[in-house]
């Protein structure tokens, strides 16, 4: 059913108007429900088996835990509307098949259904006090996705345990040889259990845990169930006759939650008379530099390195856009004054024009088809948002046709749908052209309006996950930086409030661009994506100056603005 945009701006002159509207909505709901019921066809038992592929997202556990399928791993799988769960077995390529005939799951009808999977169940209390040989035995993984009978369902597994990492550095009065003989002990509940991918601590006792030592990274690693260690001893470093203990003094540093793949890293400098601790909570520790802070990660950037906010030029080069610091909560520090574009290539002396702003440099957030087009992982650099719209008020495509794209129902499915180029080429390949897909065609046509080198993918309609990155990285939306949102199974329409003046933040990156060479963002702008929500609906994004950010589903026949992106 179509969602009404800007309903808050409409006036209702009298009660009769309200009644007529409610009667209309009721009729539409009834019509939609009847239509859905009539369109669902049941299958005979055993006709369409469930097909699964799986991958492990955020492979941070390295050799101590699970970061890839080696073949033979068993997972438990459940389908919405089917009683109980079954056992499936992974192969090394990431495909899952039922363990035997009794464990096979079959589709009951043509309706979409949620598939949930996990590994492994720790139904009895499990002792995790000795992890010195690794922690794969209790590295609990969980995944959920919407699927349908005529295509394989791809599951992205997330780690459910919190991970603690400790890195030691020799400080004043300590030699490297002495540091090698140090003993690291993690404190926390040494007992855990899990059912259906939900992890719980034992009795919240404060026992000792022997961590795994990764010789390649020189890190001590341990997995712990969710628990609160604020104000309690967490790490003990024993070296020679001395023992030093670190106690988190803030909730952020000591409270371990359910967020999939979340880790707590402690860089500890060991001195003869004590320790200095740098604590970072959240995403992967970066190589871009850190400040000496507690529980807040910061990346430092130099003017001559590629980063978010840089200017991208018509000749495929880029220059400094002014980003100097980026915190893990989304806050940024931009150089003042902000650098201006350099319209002459300093290496060739040729003139060039700014065509876009870099919004992503994390290669894990660049789609597989984009990488393939560019020439592989080692050739791709980042993603660029165009300075201008290719068009406005463009329809997505025909309504009522399932295009076979990944369905973006949950927040996680939107966040991880990051190959707009792949979506566009899928549509082009299936139909021979983009004539019946106006938004796709407008983005593709921007390559004529604003030509770019063959070293890029060319302009295309971004996927929902790429718009997510634009609003997180250029729009400075703190909620979108949270792993709880990125991995959420929340379904439907999404609204984030108190995100600041997002249009102004986006426009800040273009403030040194000539007025006629850019389209600024206004409050209540709607941007279309190449992502599908269902056979009738697509995903689009909407931002306001009052701090609201929305990711909604909308009919494919509704019009949205087209802001192209490219990979380079």
Foldseek 3Di string as FASTA:
>chain_A
DFDDPPPVVDDQDDVVSVVVVVVVVVVVVVVVVVVVVVPKFFDDPPDFWAWAFEAEPPQPQPPQADHADDWFDWKWKDKPPDPDIAIWTAHRRRTIDGPDPVRIDGDGIFDKIKMKMKDDFQADKDFQQESQVHDHNPQIWIWMAIDGRPDHDYTHIFGQWEKEKEAEDEDAADDPVQQVPKFKKFWWQRIWGDDSRAIDGDPGDTDIHRFYADPVVRMTMGTDHWDFQAPHWTMWIDTDPDIATDGHPDRLQGTTDRQTPKYKYWYWHDHPVYIQIEIATGDDQDPQDADRDHHKGKGADDFPDDDFLWFAKQAGDTGGQAWGMAILLLDTDGDVVGDFDDQADPVPRHGIDTFWTFLFQPLVLADPVQQVQLPHSVRWGGKTWGQAFLDWWFFQFDFQADLPFGAQFALQSLQNPWYQVVLLVSVCVVPVHCVRGGLQVSQQCVCVVRPHDSSKPHWGFTGSNVVLSCCRRQQSFSVSSHSCRNRPRDGAKDKDFPRAQRQVSNCVSVVNPDPVRGDGDAAFAKEFGSHHNGRFWGWIWHHGNRGMIIIHIRGSGTIHIGTIMMID
